[in-house]
Amino acid sequence: MPSSAEDLRRDFEARLNTKSSESFAIVDNESGKAIGATSFLDIREGDRHLEIGAKFEGLLRNQRLERDGSWRTAAYYSVIVEEWPETKAHLLKLLGRD
């Protein structure tokens, strides 16, 4: 967890410069302010693989030590190719584009 706006900016810039991931800001429509981020991770084009999530797989407890000294527990999600049509339809519905 970034401890300051500057830490968050540096972290996001580092993500933008990583070839194996794509990062996106989450912006509040009303205020126009960035309120979070999400990413496609571990992009491996040859394997047709990336990490994004949708079906809950499990927790990786104490996955990483944060800057504030606390341990981060990561929740892992997955979508396999057979699930993509249903997942895509659900995401489009959430976006009001169905």
Protein backbone atom coordinates (compact mmCIF):
# COMPACT_ATOMS: atom_id res chain seq x y z
CA MET A 1 0.00 0.00 0.00
CA PRO A 2 1.53 3.35 -1.01
CA SER A 3 2.10 5.64 1.96
CA SER A 4 1.79 8.87 -0.05
CA ALA A 5 0.50 10.27 -3.34
CA GLU A 6 4.11 10.39 -4.56
CA ASP A 7 4.58 6.67 -3.74
CA LEU A 8 1.39 5.88 -5.66
CA ARG A 9 2.56 7.94 -8.65
CA ARG A 10 5.97 6.20 -8.73
CA ASP A 11 4.32 2.77 -8.39
CA PHE A 12 1.87 3.46 -11.21
CA GLU A 13 4.60 4.87 -13.50
CA ALA A 14 6.68 1.74 -12.91
CA ARG A 15 3.68 -0.40 -13.86
CA LEU A 16 3.16 1.60 -17.05
CA ASN A 17 6.74 0.84 -18.08
CA THR A 18 6.45 -2.94 -17.56
CA LYS A 19 6.02 -4.94 -20.78
CA SER A 20 4.38 -7.90 -19.04
CA SER A 21 1.47 -5.84 -17.68
CA GLU A 22 -1.08 -3.21 -18.64
CA SER A 23 -2.39 -0.88 -15.94
CA PHE A 24 -5.46 1.32 -15.86
CA ALA A 25 -6.61 4.10 -13.55
CA ILE A 26 -10.07 3.91 -12.02
CA VAL A 27 -11.57 7.41 -12.17
CA ASP A 28 -14.65 8.63 -10.33
CA ASN A 29 -17.07 9.94 -12.96
CA GLU A 30 -18.47 12.67 -10.72
CA SER A 31 -15.25 14.16 -9.35
CA GLY A 32 -12.85 13.18 -12.14
CA LYS A 33 -10.39 12.03 -9.48
CA ALA A 34 -8.40 8.81 -9.67
CA ILE A 35 -9.68 6.49 -6.94
CA GLY A 36 -7.82 3.28 -7.72
CA ALA A 37 -6.16 1.11 -10.33
CA THR A 38 -6.46 -2.29 -11.93
CA SER A 39 -4.11 -4.27 -14.12
CA PHE A 40 -3.68 -7.11 -16.55
CA LEU A 41 -0.65 -8.95 -15.15
CA ASP A 42 1.81 -11.58 -16.31
CA ILE A 43 0.93 -11.08 -19.97
CA ARG A 44 2.38 -13.94 -22.04
CA GLU A 45 1.21 -13.51 -25.62
CA GLY A 46 2.71 -16.81 -26.80
CA ASP A 47 0.74 -18.70 -24.17
CA ARG A 48 -2.41 -16.59 -24.71
CA HIS A 49 -2.29 -15.91 -20.96
CA LEU A 50 -2.80 -12.96 -18.65
CA GLU A 51 -3.97 -12.49 -15.09
CA ILE A 52 -7.23 -10.54 -14.68
CA GLY A 53 -9.71 -12.61 -12.58
CA ALA A 54 -13.48 -13.09 -12.30
CA LYS A 55 -14.00 -16.63 -10.65
CA PHE A 56 -12.58 -16.78 -7.11
CA GLU A 57 -9.75 -19.33 -6.83
CA GLY A 58 -8.43 -18.68 -3.34
CA LEU A 59 -6.26 -16.57 -1.06
CA LEU A 60 -2.49 -16.35 -0.95
CA ARG A 61 -2.01 -15.37 2.67
CA ASN A 62 0.86 -13.07 3.66
CA GLN A 63 1.77 -12.77 0.00
CA ARG A 64 3.77 -9.55 0.37
CA LEU A 65 5.08 -7.26 3.08
CA GLU A 66 3.66 -3.75 2.61
CA ARG A 67 5.51 -0.47 3.17
CA ASP A 68 3.60 0.11 6.42
CA GLY A 69 4.82 -3.22 7.83
CA SER A 70 1.55 -5.10 7.38
CA TRP A 71 1.22 -8.27 5.34
CA ARG A 72 -0.87 -8.28 2.17
CA THR A 73 -3.17 -11.22 1.48
CA ALA A 74 -3.87 -11.55 -2.25
CA ALA A 75 -7.18 -12.86 -3.56
CA TYR A 76 -6.78 -14.80 -6.80
CA TYR A 77 -9.44 -14.98 -9.48
CA SER A 78 -9.45 -16.61 -12.90
CA VAL A 79 -11.37 -16.88 -16.15
CA ILE A 80 -10.67 -19.80 -18.42
CA VAL A 81 -11.34 -19.63 -22.13
CA GLU A 82 -14.59 -21.63 -21.88
CA GLU A 83 -15.96 -19.12 -19.33
CA TRP A 84 -15.04 -15.99 -21.31
CA PRO A 85 -18.33 -15.55 -23.29
CA GLU A 86 -20.40 -15.55 -20.07
CA THR A 87 -17.87 -13.36 -18.27
CA LYS A 88 -17.72 -10.88 -21.15
CA ALA A 89 -21.51 -10.64 -21.30
CA HIS A 90 -21.63 -9.99 -17.54
CA LEU A 91 -18.97 -7.27 -17.74
CA LEU A 92 -20.74 -5.59 -20.65
CA LYS A 93 -23.99 -5.65 -18.69
CA LEU A 94 -22.27 -4.03 -15.70
CA LEU A 95 -20.98 -1.31 -18.04
CA GLY A 96 -24.47 -0.81 -19.51
CA ARG A 97 -23.32 -1.98 -22.95
CA ASP A 98 -25.35 -5.18 -23.27
